[in-house]
PDB file of N, CA and C in Angstrom:
ATOM      1  N   MET A   1     -26.156  15.468   1.340  1.00  0.00           N
ATOM      2  CA  MET A   1     -27.366  15.911   2.006  1.00  0.00           C
ATOM      3  C   MET A   1     -28.229  14.846   2.536  1.00  0.00           C
ATOM      4  N   ALA A   2     -28.865  15.127   3.619  1.00  0.00           N
ATOM      5  CA  ALA A   2     -29.737  14.090   4.273  1.00  0.00           C
ATOM      6  C   ALA A   2     -31.012  14.019   3.473  1.00  0.00           C
ATOM      7  N   GLU A   3     -31.499  12.863   3.406  1.00  0.00           N
ATOM      8  CA  GLU A   3     -32.750  12.480   2.586  1.00  0.00           C
ATOM      9  C   GLU A   3     -33.922  12.965   3.480  1.00  0.00           C
ATOM     10  N   LYS A   4     -34.943  13.545   2.895  1.00  0.00           N
ATOM     11  CA  LYS A   4     -36.117  14.015   3.622  1.00  0.00           C
ATOM     12  C   LYS A   4     -36.969  12.818   4.044  1.00  0.00           C
ATOM     13  N   THR A   5     -37.610  12.976   5.233  1.00  0.00           N
ATOM     14  CA  THR A   5     -38.417  11.974   5.820  1.00  0.00           C
ATOM     15  C   THR A   5     -39.872  12.042   5.060  1.00  0.00           C
ATOM     16  N   GLN A   6     -40.643  11.100   5.294  1.00  0.00           N
ATOM     17  CA  GLN A   6     -41.977  11.128   4.650  1.00  0.00           C
ATOM     18  C   GLN A   6     -42.813  12.350   5.100  1.00  0.00           C
ATOM     19  N   THR A   7     -42.715  12.731   6.372  1.00  0.00           N
ATOM     20  CA  THR A   7     -43.500  13.836   6.848  1.00  0.00           C
ATOM     21  C   THR A   7     -43.013  15.184   6.294  1.00  0.00           C
ATOM     22  N   GLU A   8     -41.789  15.286   6.101  1.00  0.00           N
ATOM     23  CA  GLU A   8     -41.112  16.467   5.560  1.00  0.00           C
ATOM     24  C   GLU A   8     -41.611  16.603   4.080  1.00  0.00           C
ATOM     25  N   LYS A   9     -41.692  15.489   3.358  1.00  0.00           N
ATOM     26  CA  LYS A   9     -42.063  15.611   1.971  1.00  0.00           C
ATOM     27  C   LYS A   9     -43.517  16.012   1.889  1.00  0.00           C
ATOM     28  N   GLU A  10     -44.403  15.567   2.818  1.00  0.00           N
ATOM     29  CA  GLU A  10     -45.811  15.884   2.785  1.00  0.00           C
ATOM     30  C   GLU A  10     -45.915  17.293   3.319  1.00  0.00           C
ATOM     31  N   GLY A  11     -45.026  17.890   4.150  1.00  0.00           N
ATOM     32  CA  GLY A  11     -45.082  19.182   4.690  1.00  0.00           C
ATOM     33  C   GLY A  11     -45.069  20.257   3.593  1.00  0.00           C
ATOM     34  N   ALA A  12     -44.443  19.981   2.467  1.00  0.00           N
ATOM     35  CA  ALA A  12     -44.404  20.949   1.364  1.00  0.00           C
ATOM     36  C   ALA A  12     -45.795  21.142   0.783  1.00  0.00           C
ATOM     37  N   ARG A  13     -46.676  20.077   0.798  1.00  0.00           N
ATOM     38  CA  ARG A  13     -47.966  20.217   0.227  1.00  0.00           C
ATOM     39  C   ARG A  13     -48.945  20.469   1.336  1.00  0.00           C
ATOM     40  N   GLU A  14     -48.602  20.451   2.552  1.00  0.00           N
ATOM     41  CA  GLU A  14     -49.512  20.565   3.640  1.00  0.00           C
ATOM     42  C   GLU A  14     -50.279  21.844   3.672  1.00  0.00           C
ATOM     43  N   GLY A  15     -49.798  22.967   3.095  1.00  0.00           N
ATOM     44  CA  GLY A  15     -50.425  24.194   3.175  1.00  0.00           C
ATOM     45  C   GLY A  15     -51.763  24.180   2.436  1.00  0.00           C
ATOM     46  N   ARG A  16     -51.847  23.345   1.437  1.00  0.00           N
ATOM     47  CA  ARG A  16     -53.114  23.305   0.535  1.00  0.00           C
ATOM     48  C   ARG A  16     -54.148  22.348   1.164  1.00  0.00           C
ATOM     49  N   ARG A  17     -53.717  21.447   2.122  1.00  0.00           N
ATOM     50  CA  ARG A  17     -54.632  20.493   2.682  1.00  0.00           C
ATOM     51  C   ARG A  17     -55.441  21.046   3.837  1.00  0.00           C
ATOM     52  N   LYS A  18     -56.762  20.674   3.907  1.00  0.00           N
ATOM     53  CA  LYS A  18     -57.504  21.168   5.006  1.00  0.00           C
ATOM     54  C   LYS A  18     -57.264  20.290   6.278  1.00  0.00           C
ATOM     55  N   ILE A  19     -57.156  20.973   7.377  1.00  0.00           N
ATOM     56  CA  ILE A  19     -56.900  20.308   8.639  1.00  0.00           C
ATOM     57  C   ILE A  19     -58.129  20.642   9.508  1.00  0.00           C
ATOM     58  N   ARG A  20     -58.771  19.632  10.052  1.00  0.00           N
ATOM     59  CA  ARG A  20     -59.967  19.891  10.881  1.00  0.00           C
ATOM     60  C   ARG A  20     -59.885  19.042  12.168  1.00  0.00           C
ATOM     61  N   GLN A  21     -60.664  19.497  13.207  1.00  0.00           N
ATOM     62  CA  GLN A  21     -60.629  18.842  14.474  1.00  0.00           C
ATOM     63  C   GLN A  21     -62.049  18.381  14.801  1.00  0.00           C
ATOM     64  N   GLY A  22     -62.158  17.150  15.312  1.00  0.00           N
ATOM     65  CA  GLY A  22     -63.523  16.692  15.670  1.00  0.00           C
ATOM     66  C   GLY A  22     -63.540  15.561  16.716  1.00  0.00           C
ATOM     67  N   ILE A  23     -64.586  14.987  16.958  1.00  0.00           N
ATOM     68  CA  ILE A  23     -64.739  13.962  17.919  1.00  0.00           C
ATOM     69  C   ILE A  23     -65.117  12.634  17.210  1.00  0.00           C
ATOM     70  N   VAL A  24     -64.423  11.573  17.658  1.00  0.00           N
ATOM     71  CA  VAL A  24     -64.696  10.257  17.155  1.00  0.00           C
ATOM     72  C   VAL A  24     -66.076   9.706  17.682  1.00  0.00           C
ATOM     73  N   VAL A  25     -66.948   9.379  16.690  1.00  0.00           N
ATOM     74  CA  VAL A  25     -68.283   8.942  17.122  1.00  0.00           C
ATOM     75  C   VAL A  25     -68.479   7.445  16.796  1.00  0.00           C
ATOM     76  N   SER A  26     -67.519   6.824  16.013  1.00  0.00           N
ATOM     77  CA  SER A  26     -67.581   5.389  15.774  1.00  0.00           C
ATOM     78  C   SER A  26     -66.201   4.933  15.315  1.00  0.00           C
ATOM     79  N   ASN A  27     -65.882   3.663  15.815  1.00  0.00           N
ATOM     80  CA  ASN A  27     -64.588   3.035  15.428  1.00  0.00           C
ATOM     81  C   ASN A  27     -64.838   1.578  15.119  1.00  0.00           C
ATOM     82  N   LYS A  28     -65.995   1.256  14.714  1.00  0.00           N
ATOM     83  CA  LYS A  28     -66.327  -0.151  14.491  1.00  0.00           C
ATOM     84  C   LYS A  28     -65.729  -0.791  13.181  1.00  0.00           C
ATOM     85  N   MET A  29     -65.330   0.102  12.199  1.00  0.00           N
ATOM     86  CA  MET A  29     -64.772  -0.459  11.000  1.00  0.00           C
ATOM     87  C   MET A  29     -63.250  -0.678  11.172  1.00  0.00           C
ATOM     88  N   ALA A  30     -62.704  -1.548  10.323  1.00  0.00           N
ATOM     89  CA  ALA A  30     -61.325  -1.751  10.270  1.00  0.00           C
ATOM     90  C   ALA A  30     -60.581  -0.659   9.691  1.00  0.00           C
ATOM     91  N   LYS A  31     -59.638   0.001  10.364  1.00  0.00           N
ATOM     92  CA  LYS A  31     -58.763   1.069   9.972  1.00  0.00           C
ATOM     93  C   LYS A  31     -59.575   2.401   9.605  1.00  0.00           C
ATOM     94  N   THR A  32     -60.797   2.499  10.035  1.00  0.00           N
ATOM     95  CA  THR A  32     -61.633   3.719   9.688  1.00  0.00           C
ATOM     96  C   THR A  32     -62.348   4.141  10.957  1.00  0.00           C
ATOM     97  N   VAL A  33     -62.374   5.466  11.112  1.00  0.00           N
ATOM     98  CA  VAL A  33     -63.207   6.042  12.245  1.00  0.00           C
ATOM     99  C   VAL A  33     -64.135   7.060  11.524  1.00  0.00           C
ATOM    100  N   VAL A  34     -65.296   7.339  12.246  1.00  0.00           N
ATOM    101  CA  VAL A  34     -66.178   8.358  11.864  1.00  0.00           C
ATOM    102  C   VAL A  34     -65.950   9.457  12.846  1.00  0.00           C
ATOM    103  N   VAL A  35     -65.735  10.683  12.256  1.00  0.00           N
ATOM    104  CA  VAL A  35     -65.476  11.831  13.047  1.00  0.00           C
ATOM    105  C   VAL A  35     -66.505  12.877  12.864  1.00  0.00           C
ATOM    106  N   SER A  36     -67.130  13.421  13.932  1.00  0.00           N
ATOM    107  CA  SER A  36     -68.190  14.439  13.857  1.00  0.00           C
ATOM    108  C   SER A  36     -67.535  15.804  14.119  1.00  0.00           C
ATOM    109  N   ILE A  37     -67.837  16.727  13.196  1.00  0.00           N
ATOM    110  CA  ILE A  37     -67.231  18.047  13.391  1.00  0.00           C
ATOM    111  C   ILE A  37     -68.392  19.093  13.406  1.00  0.00           C
ATOM    112  N   GLU A  38     -68.484  19.828  14.571  1.00  0.00           N
ATOM    113  CA  GLU A  38     -69.553  20.822  14.692  1.00  0.00           C
ATOM    114  C   GLU A  38     -69.039  22.186  14.403  1.00  0.00           C
ATOM    115  N   ARG A  39     -69.796  23.048  13.675  1.00  0.00           N
ATOM    116  CA  ARG A  39     -69.424  24.421  13.484  1.00  0.00           C
ATOM    117  C   ARG A  39     -70.656  25.328  13.713  1.00  0.00           C
ATOM    118  N   ARG A  40     -70.388  26.526  14.174  1.00  0.00           N
ATOM    119  CA  ARG A  40     -71.452  27.455  14.390  1.00  0.00           C
ATOM    120  C   ARG A  40     -71.611  28.348  13.202  1.00  0.00           C
ATOM    121  N   VAL A  41     -72.825  28.481  12.628  1.00  0.00           N
ATOM    122  CA  VAL A  41     -73.089  29.323  11.482  1.00  0.00           C
ATOM    123  C   VAL A  41     -74.272  30.220  11.718  1.00  0.00           C
ATOM    124  N   GLN A  42     -74.210  31.438  11.286  1.00  0.00           N
ATOM    125  CA  GLN A  42     -75.343  32.304  11.408  1.00  0.00           C
ATOM    126  C   GLN A  42     -76.340  32.041  10.371  1.00  0.00           C
ATOM    127  N   HIS A  43     -77.606  31.998  10.879  1.00  0.00           N
ATOM    128  CA  HIS A  43     -78.674  31.703   9.842  1.00  0.00           C
ATOM    129  C   HIS A  43     -78.839  32.957   8.943  1.00  0.00           C
ATOM    130  N   PRO A  44     -78.938  32.631   7.592  1.00  0.00           N
ATOM    131  CA  PRO A  44     -78.890  33.756   6.602  1.00  0.00           C
ATOM    132  C   PRO A  44     -80.053  34.718   6.741  1.00  0.00           C
ATOM    133  N   LEU A  45     -81.131  34.293   7.194  1.00  0.00           N
ATOM    134  CA  LEU A  45     -82.348  35.151   7.194  1.00  0.00           C
ATOM    135  C   LEU A  45     -82.525  35.685   8.631  1.00  0.00           C
ATOM    136  N   TYR A  46     -82.606  34.832   9.652  1.00  0.00           N
ATOM    137  CA  TYR A  46     -83.017  35.137  10.980  1.00  0.00           C
ATOM    138  C   TYR A  46     -81.820  35.576  11.876  1.00  0.00           C
ATOM    139  N   GLY A  47     -80.616  35.247  11.489  1.00  0.00           N
ATOM    140  CA  GLY A  47     -79.428  35.800  12.170  1.00  0.00           C
ATOM    141  C   GLY A  47     -79.054  35.009  13.444  1.00  0.00           C
ATOM    142  N   LYS A  48     -79.843  33.961  13.774  1.00  0.00           N
ATOM    143  CA  LYS A  48     -79.623  33.104  14.898  1.00  0.00           C
ATOM    144  C   LYS A  48     -78.415  32.161  14.649  1.00  0.00           C
ATOM    145  N   ILE A  49     -77.603  31.951  15.656  1.00  0.00           N
ATOM    146  CA  ILE A  49     -76.428  31.034  15.592  1.00  0.00           C
ATOM    147  C   ILE A  49     -76.960  29.587  15.638  1.00  0.00           C
ATOM    148  N   VAL A  50     -76.627  28.803  14.563  1.00  0.00           N
ATOM    149  CA  VAL A  50     -77.130  27.454  14.483  1.00  0.00           C
ATOM    150  C   VAL A  50     -75.927  26.506  14.392  1.00  0.00           C
ATOM    151  N   LEU A  51     -76.044  25.297  15.094  1.00  0.00           N
ATOM    152  CA  LEU A  51     -74.951  24.288  14.982  1.00  0.00           C
ATOM    153  C   LEU A  51     -75.209  23.435  13.749  1.00  0.00           C
ATOM    154  N   ARG A  52     -74.118  23.285  12.995  1.00  0.00           N
ATOM    155  CA  ARG A  52     -74.181  22.435  11.842  1.00  0.00           C
ATOM    156  C   ARG A  52     -73.111  21.283  12.088  1.00  0.00           C
ATOM    157  N   THR A  53     -73.540  20.091  11.812  1.00  0.00           N
ATOM    158  CA  THR A  53     -72.696  18.897  12.141  1.00  0.00           C
ATOM    159  C   THR A  53     -72.412  18.187  10.856  1.00  0.00           C
ATOM    160  N   GLU A  54     -71.090  17.872  10.622  1.00  0.00           N
ATOM    161  CA  GLU A  54     -70.711  17.050   9.451  1.00  0.00           C
ATOM    162  C   GLU A  54     -70.006  15.877  10.070  1.00  0.00           C
ATOM    163  N   ARG A  55     -70.145  14.776   9.295  1.00  0.00           N
ATOM    164  CA  ARG A  55     -69.520  13.493   9.683  1.00  0.00           C
ATOM    165  C   ARG A  55     -68.580  13.072   8.553  1.00  0.00           C
ATOM    166  N   PHE A  56     -67.336  12.771   8.945  1.00  0.00           N
ATOM    167  CA  PHE A  56     -66.353  12.384   7.928  1.00  0.00           C
ATOM    168  C   PHE A  56     -65.819  10.982   8.362  1.00  0.00           C
ATOM    169  N   LYS A  57     -65.611  10.197   7.302  1.00  0.00           N
ATOM    170  CA  LYS A  57     -64.867   8.888   7.521  1.00  0.00           C
ATOM    171  C   LYS A  57     -63.424   9.230   7.368  1.00  0.00           C
ATOM    172  N   ALA A  58     -62.602   8.722   8.232  1.00  0.00           N
ATOM    173  CA  ALA A  58     -61.141   8.998   8.200  1.00  0.00           C
ATOM    174  C   ALA A  58     -60.381   7.710   8.417  1.00  0.00           C
ATOM    175  N   HIS A  59     -59.233   7.703   7.784  1.00  0.00           N
ATOM    176  CA  HIS A  59     -58.330   6.511   7.901  1.00  0.00           C
ATOM    177  C   HIS A  59     -57.491   6.548   9.148  1.00  0.00           C
ATOM    178  N   ASP A  60     -57.595   5.413   9.926  1.00  0.00           N
ATOM    179  CA  ASP A  60     -56.844   5.363  11.140  1.00  0.00           C
ATOM    180  C   ASP A  60     -56.016   4.085  11.117  1.00  0.00           C
ATOM    181  N   GLU A  61     -54.815   4.131  10.588  1.00  0.00           N
ATOM    182  CA  GLU A  61     -54.020   2.974  10.239  1.00  0.00           C
ATOM    183  C   GLU A  61     -53.804   2.045  11.402  1.00  0.00           C
ATOM    184  N   GLU A  62     -53.375   2.564  12.592  1.00  0.00           N
ATOM    185  CA  GLU A  62     -53.045   1.757  13.816  1.00  0.00           C
ATOM    186  C   GLU A  62     -54.256   1.347  14.652  1.00  0.00           C
ATOM    187  N   GLY A  63     -55.401   2.034  14.325  1.00  0.00           N
ATOM    188  CA  GLY A  63     -56.680   1.718  15.126  1.00  0.00           C
ATOM    189  C   GLY A  63     -56.519   2.146  16.558  1.00  0.00           C
ATOM    190  N   GLN A  64     -55.890   3.243  16.793  1.00  0.00           N
ATOM    191  CA  GLN A  64     -55.727   3.777  18.161  1.00  0.00           C
ATOM    192  C   GLN A  64     -56.839   4.643  18.713  1.00  0.00           C
ATOM    193  N   CYS A  65     -57.708   5.117  17.818  1.00  0.00           N
ATOM    194  CA  CYS A  65     -58.748   5.984  18.196  1.00  0.00           C
ATOM    195  C   CYS A  65     -59.952   5.226  18.895  1.00  0.00           C
ATOM    196  N   ASP A  66     -60.427   5.868  19.968  1.00  0.00           N
ATOM    197  CA  ASP A  66     -61.654   5.338  20.645  1.00  0.00           C
ATOM    198  C   ASP A  66     -62.774   6.271  20.474  1.00  0.00           C
ATOM    199  N   VAL A  67     -63.959   5.867  20.781  1.00  0.00           N
ATOM    200  CA  VAL A  67     -65.123   6.740  20.723  1.00  0.00           C
ATOM    201  C   VAL A  67     -64.953   7.829  21.766  1.00  0.00           C
ATOM    202  N   GLY A  68     -65.171   9.092  21.377  1.00  0.00           N
ATOM    203  CA  GLY A  68     -64.966  10.272  22.323  1.00  0.00           C
ATOM    204  C   GLY A  68     -63.718  10.941  22.262  1.00  0.00           C
ATOM    205  N   ASP A  69     -62.722  10.400  21.607  1.00  0.00           N
ATOM    206  CA  ASP A  69     -61.411  10.998  21.357  1.00  0.00           C
ATOM    207  C   ASP A  69     -61.551  12.247  20.501  1.00  0.00           C
ATOM    208  N   VAL A  70     -60.823  13.303  20.826  1.00  0.00           N
ATOM    209  CA  VAL A  70     -60.730  14.485  19.924  1.00  0.00           C
ATOM    210  C   VAL A  70     -59.546  14.321  19.100  1.00  0.00           C
ATOM    211  N   VAL A  71     -59.699  14.283  17.756  1.00  0.00           N
ATOM    212  CA  VAL A  71     -58.680  13.977  16.832  1.00  0.00           C
ATOM    213  C   VAL A  71     -58.520  15.109  15.787  1.00  0.00           C
ATOM    214  N   GLU A  72     -57.308  15.139  15.127  1.00  0.00           N
ATOM    215  CA  GLU A  72     -57.066  16.124  14.012  1.00  0.00           C
ATOM    216  C   GLU A  72     -57.022  15.305  12.775  1.00  0.00           C
ATOM    217  N   LEU A  73     -57.817  15.802  11.797  1.00  0.00           N
ATOM    218  CA  LEU A  73     -57.819  15.170  10.448  1.00  0.00           C
ATOM    219  C   LEU A  73     -57.077  15.969   9.417  1.00  0.00           C
ATOM    220  N   MET A  74     -56.568  15.372   8.401  1.00  0.00           N
ATOM    221  CA  MET A  74     -55.906  16.010   7.344  1.00  0.00           C
ATOM    222  C   MET A  74     -56.486  15.451   6.031  1.00  0.00           C
ATOM    223  N   GLU A  75     -56.821  16.361   5.145  1.00  0.00           N
ATOM    224  CA  GLU A  75     -57.366  15.916   3.838  1.00  0.00           C
ATOM    225  C   GLU A  75     -56.303  15.169   3.071  1.00  0.00           C
ATOM    226  N   THR A  76     -56.704  14.152   2.314  1.00  0.00           N
ATOM    227  CA  THR A  76     -55.836  13.387   1.632  1.00  0.00           C
ATOM    228  C   THR A  76     -56.450  12.905   0.325  1.00  0.00           C
ATOM    229  N   ARG A  77     -55.764  12.105  -0.464  1.00  0.00           N
ATOM    230  CA  ARG A  77     -56.339  11.611  -1.774  1.00  0.00           C
ATOM    231  C   ARG A  77     -57.448  10.625  -1.345  1.00  0.00           C
ATOM    232  N   PRO A  78     -58.437  10.357  -2.234  1.00  0.00           N
ATOM    233  CA  PRO A  78     -59.454   9.454  -1.932  1.00  0.00           C
ATOM    234  C   PRO A  78     -58.894   7.997  -1.629  1.00  0.00           C
ATOM    235  N   LEU A  79     -59.242   7.544  -0.476  1.00  0.00           N
ATOM    236  CA  LEU A  79     -58.782   6.230   0.007  1.00  0.00           C
ATOM    237  C   LEU A  79     -59.787   5.190  -0.265  1.00  0.00           C
ATOM    238  N   SER A  80     -61.062   5.563  -0.384  1.00  0.00           N
ATOM    239  CA  SER A  80     -62.122   4.606  -0.713  1.00  0.00           C
ATOM    240  C   SER A  80     -63.368   5.527  -1.200  1.00  0.00           C
ATOM    241  N   LYS A  81     -64.471   4.920  -1.406  1.00  0.00           N
ATOM    242  CA  LYS A  81     -65.612   5.651  -1.854  1.00  0.00           C
ATOM    243  C   LYS A  81     -65.959   6.896  -1.069  1.00  0.00           C
ATOM    244  N   GLU A  82     -65.859   6.784   0.299  1.00  0.00           N
ATOM    245  CA  GLU A  82     -66.240   7.849   1.151  1.00  0.00           C
ATOM    246  C   GLU A  82     -65.052   8.450   1.958  1.00  0.00           C
ATOM    247  N   LYS A  83     -63.849   7.799   1.983  1.00  0.00           N
ATOM    248  CA  LYS A  83     -62.775   8.290   2.860  1.00  0.00           C
ATOM    249  C   LYS A  83     -61.844   9.285   2.124  1.00  0.00           C
ATOM    250  N   ARG A  84     -61.887  10.497   2.626  1.00  0.00           N
ATOM    251  CA  ARG A  84     -60.891  11.529   2.022  1.00  0.00           C
ATOM    252  C   ARG A  84     -60.070  12.246   3.144  1.00  0.00           C
ATOM    253  N   PHE A  85     -60.112  11.720   4.354  1.00  0.00           N
ATOM    254  CA  PHE A  85     -59.294  12.275   5.416  1.00  0.00           C
ATOM    255  C   PHE A  85     -58.591  11.142   6.085  1.00  0.00           C
ATOM    256  N   ARG A  86     -57.500  11.503   6.854  1.00  0.00           N
ATOM    257  CA  ARG A  86     -56.742  10.565   7.619  1.00  0.00           C
ATOM    258  C   ARG A  86     -56.504  11.219   8.972  1.00  0.00           C
ATOM    259  N   VAL A  87     -56.370  10.441   9.999  1.00  0.00           N
ATOM    260  CA  VAL A  87     -56.137  10.928  11.400  1.00  0.00           C
ATOM    261  C   VAL A  87     -54.674  11.296  11.465  1.00  0.00           C
ATOM    262  N   THR A  88     -54.315  12.495  11.786  1.00  0.00           N
ATOM    263  CA  THR A  88     -52.885  12.871  11.922  1.00  0.00           C
ATOM    264  C   THR A  88     -52.428  12.720  13.401  1.00  0.00           C
ATOM    265  N   ARG A  89     -53.333  13.093  14.306  1.00  0.00           N
ATOM    266  CA  ARG A  89     -52.948  12.952  15.751  1.00  0.00           C
ATOM    267  C   ARG A  89     -54.173  12.940  16.598  1.00  0.00           C
ATOM    268  N   ILE A  90     -53.929  12.301  17.720  1.00  0.00           N
ATOM    269  CA  ILE A  90     -55.054  12.338  18.726  1.00  0.00           C
ATOM    270  C   ILE A  90     -54.749  13.513  19.743  1.00  0.00           C
ATOM    271  N   VAL A  91     -55.616  14.531  19.670  1.00  0.00           N
ATOM    272  CA  VAL A  91     -55.420  15.691  20.487  1.00  0.00           C
ATOM    273  C   VAL A  91     -55.730  15.372  21.941  1.00  0.00           C
ATOM    274  N   GLU A  92     -56.795  14.628  22.230  1.00  0.00           N
ATOM    275  CA  GLU A  92     -57.203  14.377  23.628  1.00  0.00           C
ATOM    276  C   GLU A  92     -57.895  13.027  23.606  1.00  0.00           C
ATOM    277  N   LYS A  93     -57.323  12.112  24.509  1.00  0.00           N
ATOM    278  CA  LYS A  93     -57.889  10.814  24.648  1.00  0.00           C
ATOM    279  C   LYS A  93     -59.041  10.919  25.575  1.00  0.00           C
ATOM    280  N   VAL A  94     -59.993  10.033  25.407  1.00  0.00           N
ATOM    281  CA  VAL A  94     -61.163   9.945  26.286  1.00  0.00           C
ATOM    282  C   VAL A  94     -60.759   9.273  27.617  1.00  0.00           C
ATOM    283  N   LYS A  95     -61.389   9.654  28.701  1.00  0.00           N
ATOM    284  CA  LYS A  95     -60.996   9.089  29.972  1.00  0.00           C
ATOM    285  C   LYS A  95     -61.795   7.897  30.341  1.00  0.00           C
TER     286      LYS A  95
END
């Protein structure tokens, strides 16, 4: 039998990992990008739709991400004090 590749091995566990999409707001650190994710939430009392923004630090091994890129993040084991995500793919490059 053929041996499974690294991505196929991770694919078995992939169903439990959160996948999110956001915009890179900073790439000044080595192998790390800061990704901003906006979501729309209804206010519990007033019912108005409010934008909530979260910022995540994500691992970018090759350093290919630029500010403004839309990227896909996957949850992973803690890589540092604040890094819990890694960039799986660049959905859209900035022009």
